[in-house]
PDB file of N, CA and C in Angstrom:
ATOM      1  N   MET A   1     245.566  89.970 227.958  1.00  0.00           N
ATOM      2  CA  MET A   1     246.758  89.105 227.500  1.00  0.00           C
ATOM      3  C   MET A   1     247.372  88.077 228.059  1.00  0.00           C
ATOM      4  N   TYR A   2     247.477  88.404 229.394  1.00  0.00           N
ATOM      5  CA  TYR A   2     248.136  87.426 230.288  1.00  0.00           C
ATOM      6  C   TYR A   2     247.376  86.204 230.377  1.00  0.00           C
ATOM      7  N   THR A   3     245.968  86.120 230.542  1.00  0.00           N
ATOM      8  CA  THR A   3     245.478  85.123 230.991  1.00  0.00           C
ATOM      9  C   THR A   3     245.392  84.154 229.638  1.00  0.00           C
ATOM     10  N   PRO A   4     245.116  84.623 228.307  1.00  0.00           N
ATOM     11  CA  PRO A   4     245.223  83.577 227.245  1.00  0.00           C
ATOM     12  C   PRO A   4     246.504  83.186 227.026  1.00  0.00           C
ATOM     13  N   CYS A   5     247.272  83.908 227.332  1.00  0.00           N
ATOM     14  CA  CYS A   5     248.994  83.573 227.120  1.00  0.00           C
ATOM     15  C   CYS A   5     249.035  82.248 227.965  1.00  0.00           C
ATOM     16  N   MET A   6     248.613  82.336 229.134  1.00  0.00           N
ATOM     17  CA  MET A   6     248.859  81.504 230.427  1.00  0.00           C
ATOM     18  C   MET A   6     248.094  79.990 230.107  1.00  0.00           C
ATOM     19  N   ALA A   7     246.980  80.341 229.358  1.00  0.00           N
ATOM     20  CA  ALA A   7     246.261  79.379 228.914  1.00  0.00           C
ATOM     21  C   ALA A   7     246.828  78.499 227.928  1.00  0.00           C
ATOM     22  N   LEU A   8     247.603  79.047 226.801  1.00  0.00           N
ATOM     23  CA  LEU A   8     248.377  78.503 225.811  1.00  0.00           C
ATOM     24  C   LEU A   8     249.546  77.936 226.457  1.00  0.00           C
ATOM     25  N   ASP A   9     249.873  78.605 227.384  1.00  0.00           N
ATOM     26  CA  ASP A   9     251.214  77.963 227.991  1.00  0.00           C
ATOM     27  C   ASP A   9     251.243  76.613 228.896  1.00  0.00           C
ATOM     28  N   PHE A  10     250.183  76.605 229.644  1.00  0.00           N
ATOM     29  CA  PHE A  10     250.029  75.514 230.698  1.00  0.00           C
ATOM     30  C   PHE A  10     249.832  74.482 229.401  1.00  0.00           C
ATOM     31  N   PRO A  11     248.987  74.192 228.532  1.00  0.00           N
ATOM     32  CA  PRO A  11     249.189  72.812 227.897  1.00  0.00           C
ATOM     33  C   PRO A  11     250.126  72.510 227.187  1.00  0.00           C
ATOM     34  N   LEU A  12     251.205  73.552 226.921  1.00  0.00           N
ATOM     35  CA  LEU A  12     252.238  73.071 226.439  1.00  0.00           C
ATOM     36  C   LEU A  12     253.237  72.763 227.271  1.00  0.00           C
ATOM     37  N   GLU A  13     253.056  73.097 228.419  1.00  0.00           N
ATOM     38  CA  GLU A  13     253.754  72.335 229.947  1.00  0.00           C
ATOM     39  C   GLU A  13     255.050  73.303 230.031  1.00  0.00           C
ATOM     40  N   MET A  14     254.681  74.491 229.948  1.00  0.00           N
ATOM     41  CA  MET A  14     255.808  75.639 230.219  1.00  0.00           C
ATOM     42  C   MET A  14     255.388  76.038 231.846  1.00  0.00           C
ATOM     43  N   SER A  15     256.565  76.313 232.213  1.00  0.00           N
ATOM     44  CA  SER A  15     256.848  76.666 233.564  1.00  0.00           C
ATOM     45  C   SER A  15     256.105  78.150 233.708  1.00  0.00           C
ATOM     46  N   PRO A  16     255.306  78.695 234.461  1.00  0.00           N
ATOM     47  CA  PRO A  16     254.766  80.042 234.767  1.00  0.00           C
ATOM     48  C   PRO A  16     256.119  80.966 234.951  1.00  0.00           C
ATOM     49  N   GLN A  17     257.262  80.568 235.400  1.00  0.00           N
ATOM     50  CA  GLN A  17     258.380  80.957 235.495  1.00  0.00           C
ATOM     51  C   GLN A  17     258.624  81.849 234.329  1.00  0.00           C
ATOM     52  N   VAL A  18     258.815  80.794 233.492  1.00  0.00           N
ATOM     53  CA  VAL A  18     259.494  81.084 231.882  1.00  0.00           C
ATOM     54  C   VAL A  18     258.262  81.849 231.280  1.00  0.00           C
ATOM     55  N   ALA A  19     256.950  81.392 231.419  1.00  0.00           N
ATOM     56  CA  ALA A  19     255.653  82.164 230.817  1.00  0.00           C
ATOM     57  C   ALA A  19     255.873  83.652 230.748  1.00  0.00           C
ATOM     58  N   PHE A  20     255.915  83.952 231.889  1.00  0.00           N
ATOM     59  CA  PHE A  20     255.654  85.400 232.614  1.00  0.00           C
ATOM     60  C   PHE A  20     256.402  86.424 231.801  1.00  0.00           C
ATOM     61  N   PRO A  21     257.653  86.105 231.623  1.00  0.00           N
ATOM     62  CA  PRO A  21     258.648  87.191 231.025  1.00  0.00           C
ATOM     63  C   PRO A  21     258.170  87.029 229.464  1.00  0.00           C
ATOM     64  N   ILE A  22     257.590  85.958 228.821  1.00  0.00           N
ATOM     65  CA  ILE A  22     257.202  85.630 227.462  1.00  0.00           C
ATOM     66  C   ILE A  22     255.843  86.961 227.391  1.00  0.00           C
ATOM     67  N   GLU A  23     255.246  86.654 228.473  1.00  0.00           N
ATOM     68  CA  GLU A  23     253.794  87.751 228.500  1.00  0.00           C
ATOM     69  C   GLU A  23     254.223  89.004 228.483  1.00  0.00           C
ATOM     70  N   MET A  24     255.104  89.453 229.265  1.00  0.00           N
ATOM     71  CA  MET A  24     255.411  90.913 229.469  1.00  0.00           C
ATOM     72  C   MET A  24     256.052  91.078 228.296  1.00  0.00           C
ATOM     73  N   GLY A  25     257.157  90.303 227.515  1.00  0.00           N
ATOM     74  CA  GLY A  25     257.613  90.997 226.297  1.00  0.00           C
ATOM     75  C   GLY A  25     256.915  91.364 225.202  1.00  0.00           C
ATOM     76  N   SER A  26     255.782  90.156 225.259  1.00  0.00           N
ATOM     77  CA  SER A  26     254.515  90.188 223.979  1.00  0.00           C
ATOM     78  C   SER A  26     253.948  91.693 224.288  1.00  0.00           C
ATOM     79  N   CYS A  27     253.373  91.993 225.635  1.00  0.00           N
ATOM     80  CA  CYS A  27     252.802  93.207 225.611  1.00  0.00           C
ATOM     81  C   CYS A  27     253.518  94.492 225.414  1.00  0.00           C
ATOM     82  N   THR A  28     254.705  94.344 225.957  1.00  0.00           N
ATOM     83  CA  THR A  28     255.797  95.423 225.681  1.00  0.00           C
ATOM     84  C   THR A  28     255.973  95.843 224.131  1.00  0.00           C
ATOM     85  N   PHE A  29     255.832  95.092 223.408  1.00  0.00           N
ATOM     86  CA  PHE A  29     256.181  95.251 222.116  1.00  0.00           C
ATOM     87  C   PHE A  29     255.018  95.100 221.305  1.00  0.00           C
ATOM     88  N   LEU A  30     253.616  94.936 221.865  1.00  0.00           N
ATOM     89  CA  LEU A  30     252.427  95.004 221.144  1.00  0.00           C
ATOM     90  C   LEU A  30     251.761  96.273 221.487  1.00  0.00           C
ATOM     91  N   MET A  31     251.738  96.755 222.536  1.00  0.00           N
ATOM     92  CA  MET A  31     250.811  97.880 223.186  1.00  0.00           C
ATOM     93  C   MET A  31     251.140  99.104 222.497  1.00  0.00           C
ATOM     94  N   PRO A  32     252.498  99.429 222.327  1.00  0.00           N
ATOM     95  CA  PRO A  32     252.853 100.817 221.660  1.00  0.00           C
ATOM     96  C   PRO A  32     252.432 101.007 220.212  1.00  0.00           C
ATOM     97  N   HIS A  33     252.714  99.689 219.620  1.00  0.00           N
ATOM     98  CA  HIS A  33     252.250  99.899 218.244  1.00  0.00           C
ATOM     99  C   HIS A  33     250.686 100.033 218.054  1.00  0.00           C
ATOM    100  N   ALA A  34     249.824  98.970 218.860  1.00  0.00           N
ATOM    101  CA  ALA A  34     248.671  99.224 218.799  1.00  0.00           C
ATOM    102  C   ALA A  34     248.018 100.410 219.090  1.00  0.00           C
ATOM    103  N   SER A  35     248.490 101.300 220.075  1.00  0.00           N
ATOM    104  CA  SER A  35     248.070 102.539 220.729  1.00  0.00           C
ATOM    105  C   SER A  35     248.173 103.669 219.874  1.00  0.00           C
ATOM    106  N   ILE A  36     249.084 103.408 218.890  1.00  0.00           N
ATOM    107  CA  ILE A  36     249.545 104.717 218.405  1.00  0.00           C
ATOM    108  C   ILE A  36     248.275 105.359 217.579  1.00  0.00           C
ATOM    109  N   ARG A  37     247.459 104.379 217.100  1.00  0.00           N
ATOM    110  CA  ARG A  37     246.492 105.017 216.043  1.00  0.00           C
ATOM    111  C   ARG A  37     245.497 105.676 216.737  1.00  0.00           C
ATOM    112  N   TYR A  38     244.852 105.019 218.270  1.00  0.00           N
ATOM    113  CA  TYR A  38     244.038 105.765 219.073  1.00  0.00           C
ATOM    114  C   TYR A  38     244.540 106.885 219.832  1.00  0.00           C
ATOM    115  N   ILE A  39     245.547 107.355 220.116  1.00  0.00           N
ATOM    116  CA  ILE A  39     246.217 108.363 220.568  1.00  0.00           C
ATOM    117  C   ILE A  39     246.154 109.362 219.556  1.00  0.00           C
ATOM    118  N   ARG A  40     246.623 108.886 218.402  1.00  0.00           N
ATOM    119  CA  ARG A  40     246.627 110.078 216.956  1.00  0.00           C
ATOM    120  C   ARG A  40     245.134 110.577 216.996  1.00  0.00           C
ATOM    121  N   GLU A  41     244.087 109.575 216.809  1.00  0.00           N
ATOM    122  CA  GLU A  41     242.740 109.677 216.588  1.00  0.00           C
ATOM    123  C   GLU A  41     242.009 110.164 217.550  1.00  0.00           C
ATOM    124  N   ASP A  42     242.769 110.277 218.670  1.00  0.00           N
ATOM    125  CA  ASP A  42     241.740 110.901 220.019  1.00  0.00           C
ATOM    126  C   ASP A  42     240.564 109.587 220.213  1.00  0.00           C
ATOM    127  N   GLY A  43     240.952 108.255 220.026  1.00  0.00           N
ATOM    128  CA  GLY A  43     239.704 107.863 220.084  1.00  0.00           C
ATOM    129  C   GLY A  43     239.626 106.990 221.405  1.00  0.00           C
ATOM    130  N   TYR A  44     240.149 107.391 222.480  1.00  0.00           N
ATOM    131  CA  TYR A  44     239.722 106.830 223.687  1.00  0.00           C
ATOM    132  C   TYR A  44     239.454 107.771 224.761  1.00  0.00           C
ATOM    133  N   HIS A  45     238.828 107.520 225.692  1.00  0.00           N
ATOM    134  CA  HIS A  45     237.997 108.279 226.838  1.00  0.00           C
ATOM    135  C   HIS A  45     239.256 108.757 227.870  1.00  0.00           C
ATOM    136  N   LYS A  46     239.719 109.786 227.782  1.00  0.00           N
ATOM    137  CA  LYS A  46     241.338 109.972 228.661  1.00  0.00           C
ATOM    138  C   LYS A  46     240.559 109.747 230.058  1.00  0.00           C
ATOM    139  N   LYS A  47     239.631 110.330 230.764  1.00  0.00           N
ATOM    140  CA  LYS A  47     239.078 110.205 232.093  1.00  0.00           C
ATOM    141  C   LYS A  47     239.088 108.802 232.509  1.00  0.00           C
ATOM    142  N   ALA A  48     238.294 107.582 231.329  1.00  0.00           N
ATOM    143  CA  ALA A  48     238.448 106.418 231.647  1.00  0.00           C
ATOM    144  C   ALA A  48     239.791 105.924 231.737  1.00  0.00           C
ATOM    145  N   ALA A  49     240.608 106.232 230.996  1.00  0.00           N
ATOM    146  CA  ALA A  49     242.024 105.723 230.719  1.00  0.00           C
ATOM    147  C   ALA A  49     242.650 105.915 232.442  1.00  0.00           C
ATOM    148  N   ILE A  50     242.463 107.383 232.668  1.00  0.00           N
ATOM    149  CA  ILE A  50     243.086 107.678 233.802  1.00  0.00           C
ATOM    150  C   ILE A  50     242.676 106.982 235.108  1.00  0.00           C
ATOM    151  N   ALA A  51     241.407 106.857 235.079  1.00  0.00           N
ATOM    152  CA  ALA A  51     240.494 105.765 236.169  1.00  0.00           C
ATOM    153  C   ALA A  51     240.794 104.689 235.933  1.00  0.00           C
ATOM    154  N   MET A  52     241.398 103.870 235.210  1.00  0.00           N
ATOM    155  CA  MET A  52     242.121 102.598 235.116  1.00  0.00           C
ATOM    156  C   MET A  52     243.222 102.730 235.751  1.00  0.00           C
ATOM    157  N   ALA A  53     244.240 103.470 235.232  1.00  0.00           N
ATOM    158  CA  ALA A  53     245.551 103.381 235.536  1.00  0.00           C
ATOM    159  C   ALA A  53     245.938 103.710 236.874  1.00  0.00           C
ATOM    160  N   ILE A  54     245.391 104.718 237.493  1.00  0.00           N
ATOM    161  CA  ILE A  54     245.434 104.856 238.884  1.00  0.00           C
ATOM    162  C   ILE A  54     245.202 103.683 240.076  1.00  0.00           C
ATOM    163  N   PRO A  55     244.317 102.871 239.721  1.00  0.00           N
ATOM    164  CA  PRO A  55     243.937 101.845 240.509  1.00  0.00           C
ATOM    165  C   PRO A  55     244.895 100.553 240.152  1.00  0.00           C
ATOM    166  N   GLY A  56     245.499 100.805 238.680  1.00  0.00           N
ATOM    167  CA  GLY A  56     246.533  99.829 238.456  1.00  0.00           C
ATOM    168  C   GLY A  56     247.739  99.765 239.398  1.00  0.00           C
ATOM    169  N   ILE A  57     247.903 100.688 239.846  1.00  0.00           N
ATOM    170  CA  ILE A  57     249.312 100.868 240.823  1.00  0.00           C
ATOM    171  C   ILE A  57     248.777 100.323 241.975  1.00  0.00           C
ATOM    172  N   VAL A  58     247.676 100.357 242.548  1.00  0.00           N
ATOM    173  CA  VAL A  58     246.957  99.471 243.687  1.00  0.00           C
ATOM    174  C   VAL A  58     247.338  97.893 243.430  1.00  0.00           C
ATOM    175  N   VAL A  59     246.883  97.571 242.122  1.00  0.00           N
ATOM    176  CA  VAL A  59     247.013  96.303 241.830  1.00  0.00           C
ATOM    177  C   VAL A  59     248.283  95.627 241.646  1.00  0.00           C
ATOM    178  N   ILE A  60     249.135  96.469 241.219  1.00  0.00           N
ATOM    179  CA  ILE A  60     250.628  96.119 241.088  1.00  0.00           C
ATOM    180  C   ILE A  60     251.165  95.673 242.598  1.00  0.00           C
ATOM    181  N   LEU A  61     250.735  96.241 243.431  1.00  0.00           N
ATOM    182  CA  LEU A  61     251.270  95.933 244.905  1.00  0.00           C
ATOM    183  C   LEU A  61     250.436  94.715 245.598  1.00  0.00           C
ATOM    184  N   ILE A  62     249.522  94.736 244.919  1.00  0.00           N
ATOM    185  CA  ILE A  62     248.488  93.415 245.642  1.00  0.00           C
ATOM    186  C   ILE A  62     249.107  92.202 244.971  1.00  0.00           C
ATOM    187  N   VAL A  63     249.532  92.259 243.768  1.00  0.00           N
ATOM    188  CA  VAL A  63     250.025  91.376 242.979  1.00  0.00           C
ATOM    189  C   VAL A  63     251.519  91.003 243.384  1.00  0.00           C
ATOM    190  N   ALA A  64     252.307  91.759 243.742  1.00  0.00           N
ATOM    191  CA  ALA A  64     253.568  91.745 244.132  1.00  0.00           C
ATOM    192  C   ALA A  64     253.389  90.915 245.532  1.00  0.00           C
ATOM    193  N   PHE A  65     252.580  91.330 246.479  1.00  0.00           N
ATOM    194  CA  PHE A  65     252.824  90.598 247.814  1.00  0.00           C
ATOM    195  C   PHE A  65     251.634  89.822 247.973  1.00  0.00           C
ATOM    196  N   VAL A  66     250.622  89.528 247.128  1.00  0.00           N
ATOM    197  CA  VAL A  66     249.601  88.600 247.573  1.00  0.00           C
ATOM    198  C   VAL A  66     249.768  87.306 246.572  1.00  0.00           C
ATOM    199  N   VAL A  67     249.799  87.713 245.040  1.00  0.00           N
ATOM    200  CA  VAL A  67     249.760  86.672 244.349  1.00  0.00           C
ATOM    201  C   VAL A  67     251.148  86.073 244.088  1.00  0.00           C
ATOM    202  N   LYS A  68     252.044  86.829 244.143  1.00  0.00           N
ATOM    203  CA  LYS A  68     253.508  86.286 243.864  1.00  0.00           C
ATOM    204  C   LYS A  68     253.984  85.217 244.656  1.00  0.00           C
ATOM    205  N   PRO A  69     253.349  85.148 246.009  1.00  0.00           N
ATOM    206  CA  PRO A  69     253.744  83.912 247.115  1.00  0.00           C
ATOM    207  C   PRO A  69     252.799  82.642 246.771  1.00  0.00           C
ATOM    208  N   LEU A  70     251.668  82.822 245.979  1.00  0.00           N
ATOM    209  CA  LEU A  70     250.996  81.716 245.913  1.00  0.00           C
ATOM    210  C   LEU A  70     251.631  80.625 245.194  1.00  0.00           C
ATOM    211  N   PRO A  71     251.153  79.476 245.751  1.00  0.00           N
ATOM    212  CA  PRO A  71     251.636  78.114 244.967  1.00  0.00           C
ATOM    213  C   PRO A  71     251.311  78.015 243.807  1.00  0.00           C
ATOM    214  N   LEU A  72     252.236  77.566 242.707  1.00  0.00           N
ATOM    215  CA  LEU A  72     251.844  77.552 241.273  1.00  0.00           C
ATOM    216  C   LEU A  72     250.353  76.599 241.161  1.00  0.00           C
ATOM    217  N   ASP A  73     249.870  75.781 241.774  1.00  0.00           N
ATOM    218  CA  ASP A  73     248.621  75.058 241.441  1.00  0.00           C
ATOM    219  C   ASP A  73     247.588  76.071 241.679  1.00  0.00           C
ATOM    220  N   VAL A  74     247.707  77.014 242.816  1.00  0.00           N
ATOM    221  CA  VAL A  74     246.645  78.009 243.093  1.00  0.00           C
ATOM    222  C   VAL A  74     246.762  78.794 242.151  1.00  0.00           C
ATOM    223  N   LEU A  75     247.796  79.540 241.225  1.00  0.00           N
ATOM    224  CA  LEU A  75     248.007  80.336 240.464  1.00  0.00           C
ATOM    225  C   LEU A  75     247.012  79.623 239.343  1.00  0.00           C
ATOM    226  N   LYS A  76     247.578  78.508 238.791  1.00  0.00           N
ATOM    227  CA  LYS A  76     246.811  77.841 237.533  1.00  0.00           C
ATOM    228  C   LYS A  76     245.407  78.010 237.706  1.00  0.00           C
ATOM    229  N   TRP A  77     244.582  77.597 238.983  1.00  0.00           N
ATOM    230  CA  TRP A  77     243.273  77.969 238.989  1.00  0.00           C
ATOM    231  C   TRP A  77     242.741  79.127 239.003  1.00  0.00           C
ATOM    232  N   VAL A  78     243.308  80.045 239.569  1.00  0.00           N
ATOM    233  CA  VAL A  78     242.987  81.633 239.559  1.00  0.00           C
ATOM    234  C   VAL A  78     243.010  81.910 237.901  1.00  0.00           C
ATOM    235  N   VAL A  79     244.020  81.481 237.071  1.00  0.00           N
ATOM    236  CA  VAL A  79     244.032  81.832 235.920  1.00  0.00           C
ATOM    237  C   VAL A  79     242.620  81.019 235.195  1.00  0.00           C
ATOM    238  N   PHE A  80     242.592  79.943 235.602  1.00  0.00           N
ATOM    239  CA  PHE A  80     241.465  79.103 234.911  1.00  0.00           C
ATOM    240  C   PHE A  80     240.411  79.531 235.102  1.00  0.00           C
ATOM    241  N   ILE A  81     240.272  79.994 236.353  1.00  0.00           N
ATOM    242  CA  ILE A  81     238.920  80.743 236.605  1.00  0.00           C
ATOM    243  C   ILE A  81     238.442  82.037 235.833  1.00  0.00           C
ATOM    244  N   VAL A  82     239.763  83.076 235.730  1.00  0.00           N
ATOM    245  CA  VAL A  82     239.572  84.265 235.085  1.00  0.00           C
ATOM    246  C   VAL A  82     239.284  83.973 233.707  1.00  0.00           C
ATOM    247  N   LEU A  83     239.988  82.899 232.998  1.00  0.00           N
ATOM    248  CA  LEU A  83     239.555  82.566 231.726  1.00  0.00           C
ATOM    249  C   LEU A  83     238.200  81.900 231.531  1.00  0.00           C
ATOM    250  N   LEU A  84     237.770  81.216 232.217  1.00  0.00           N
ATOM    251  CA  LEU A  84     236.233  80.856 232.124  1.00  0.00           C
ATOM    252  C   LEU A  84     235.328  81.943 232.292  1.00  0.00           C
ATOM    253  N   TYR A  85     235.727  82.943 233.118  1.00  0.00           N
ATOM    254  CA  TYR A  85     234.629  83.986 233.504  1.00  0.00           C
ATOM    255  C   TYR A  85     234.766  85.035 232.189  1.00  0.00           C
ATOM    256  N   THR A  86     235.792  85.334 231.899  1.00  0.00           N
ATOM    257  CA  THR A  86     236.217  86.108 230.478  1.00  0.00           C
ATOM    258  C   THR A  86     235.292  85.436 229.159  1.00  0.00           C
ATOM    259  N   SER A  87     235.495  84.146 229.285  1.00  0.00           N
ATOM    260  CA  SER A  87     234.885  83.375 228.004  1.00  0.00           C
ATOM    261  C   SER A  87     233.676  83.539 227.949  1.00  0.00           C
ATOM    262  N   CYS A  88     232.822  83.151 229.373  1.00  0.00           N
ATOM    263  CA  CYS A  88     231.410  83.422 229.409  1.00  0.00           C
ATOM    264  C   CYS A  88     230.935  84.711 229.034  1.00  0.00           C
ATOM    265  N   VAL A  89     231.453  85.835 229.532  1.00  0.00           N
ATOM    266  CA  VAL A  89     231.102  87.220 229.405  1.00  0.00           C
ATOM    267  C   VAL A  89     231.424  87.395 227.591  1.00  0.00           C
ATOM    268  N   MET A  90     232.219  86.980 226.946  1.00  0.00           N
ATOM    269  CA  MET A  90     232.489  87.333 225.724  1.00  0.00           C
ATOM    270  C   MET A  90     231.466  86.647 224.667  1.00  0.00           C
ATOM    271  N   LEU A  91     231.336  85.246 225.238  1.00  0.00           N
ATOM    272  CA  LEU A  91     230.337  84.388 224.306  1.00  0.00           C
ATOM    273  C   LEU A  91     228.801  84.976 224.867  1.00  0.00           C
ATOM    274  N   SER A  92     228.438  85.318 225.899  1.00  0.00           N
ATOM    275  CA  SER A  92     227.208  85.486 226.160  1.00  0.00           C
ATOM    276  C   SER A  92     226.106  86.232 225.420  1.00  0.00           C
ATOM    277  N   PRO A  93     227.016  87.370 224.661  1.00  0.00           N
ATOM    278  CA  PRO A  93     226.069  88.235 223.601  1.00  0.00           C
ATOM    279  C   PRO A  93     225.768  87.708 222.715  1.00  0.00           C
ATOM    280  N   GLY A  94     226.816  86.782 221.858  1.00  0.00           N
ATOM    281  CA  GLY A  94     226.308  85.914 220.867  1.00  0.00           C
ATOM    282  C   GLY A  94     225.407  84.858 220.882  1.00  0.00           C
ATOM    283  N   LEU A  95     225.029  84.532 221.984  1.00  0.00           N
ATOM    284  CA  LEU A  95     224.275  83.219 222.298  1.00  0.00           C
ATOM    285  C   LEU A  95     222.723  83.904 222.737  1.00  0.00           C
ATOM    286  N   ILE A  96     222.499  85.195 222.833  1.00  0.00           N
ATOM    287  CA  ILE A  96     221.204  85.868 223.248  1.00  0.00           C
ATOM    288  C   ILE A  96     220.500  85.896 221.785  1.00  0.00           C
ATOM    289  N   PRO A  97     219.165  85.459 221.623  1.00  0.00           N
ATOM    290  CA  PRO A  97     218.909  85.522 220.440  1.00  0.00           C
ATOM    291  C   PRO A  97     218.376  87.195 220.079  1.00  0.00           C
ATOM    292  N   LYS A  98     218.589  87.453 218.694  1.00  0.00           N
ATOM    293  CA  LYS A  98     218.755  88.988 218.429  1.00  0.00           C
ATOM    294  C   LYS A  98     217.294  89.541 218.817  1.00  0.00           C
ATOM    295  N   GLU A  99     216.282  88.953 218.819  1.00  0.00           N
ATOM    296  CA  GLU A  99     215.083  89.616 219.326  1.00  0.00           C
ATOM    297  C   GLU A  99     214.988  90.067 220.692  1.00  0.00           C
ATOM    298  N   LEU A 100     215.836  89.485 221.500  1.00  0.00           N
ATOM    299  CA  LEU A 100     215.907  89.558 222.978  1.00  0.00           C
ATOM    300  C   LEU A 100     217.023  90.830 223.100  1.00  0.00           C
ATOM    301  N   SER A 101     218.090  91.064 222.393  1.00  0.00           N
ATOM    302  CA  SER A 101     218.997  91.823 222.491  1.00  0.00           C
ATOM    303  C   SER A 101     218.714  93.116 221.791  1.00  0.00           C
ATOM    304  N   MET A 102     219.323  94.393 222.659  1.00  0.00           N
ATOM    305  CA  MET A 102     219.201  95.476 221.709  1.00  0.00           C
ATOM    306  C   MET A 102     220.167  96.377 221.446  1.00  0.00           C
ATOM    307  N   ASP A 103     220.220  96.591 220.206  1.00  0.00           N
ATOM    308  CA  ASP A 103     221.293  97.259 219.451  1.00  0.00           C
ATOM    309  C   ASP A 103     221.689  98.510 220.211  1.00  0.00           C
ATOM    310  N   TRP A 104     223.059  99.077 220.040  1.00  0.00           N
ATOM    311  CA  TRP A 104     223.309 100.452 220.409  1.00  0.00           C
ATOM    312  C   TRP A 104     222.873 101.484 219.766  1.00  0.00           C
ATOM    313  N   GLU A 105     222.332 101.117 218.609  1.00  0.00           N
ATOM    314  CA  GLU A 105     221.632 102.239 217.565  1.00  0.00           C
ATOM    315  C   GLU A 105     220.293 102.235 217.954  1.00  0.00           C
ATOM    316  N   GLU A 106     219.566 101.453 218.559  1.00  0.00           N
ATOM    317  CA  GLU A 106     218.255 101.703 219.369  1.00  0.00           C
ATOM    318  C   GLU A 106     218.221 102.323 220.676  1.00  0.00           C
ATOM    319  N   LYS A 107     219.108 102.451 221.395  1.00  0.00           N
ATOM    320  CA  LYS A 107     219.092 103.456 222.568  1.00  0.00           C
ATOM    321  C   LYS A 107     219.017 104.702 222.580  1.00  0.00           C
TER     322      LYS A 107
END
C-alpha cells in the first residue's frame, strides 16, 4: 500500500513528510475492515502470517534507524525501484503465452 501511495503522492508534488501519515491512516482504516472476512472464514495460513509478522518487528527497527535518516532524493529512488520491481513481477504472468504457463489446476 505504501509504495503505490507514494507513487501517487510524488507526481502530485506532496512532501513525503505529509504523505506518510496519509499512508498510515489509509492502512489503519482499510486493514481491519478488509481482514474481517478472512479471519471469520479462516481463509489465511496462520503459520505464514506469524512467519511474516515476526520479521516485521525487525524490519520496523531497520526502517527506524536506516531508512528514516535517508535524504528524500534517495528515498524517492528506493520507492521507484520497489514500484518498478513490483510492477514487473505482477505484469509478467500476463505477458507469458498461455501455452507456456502452467495453471494451478494442472499441478
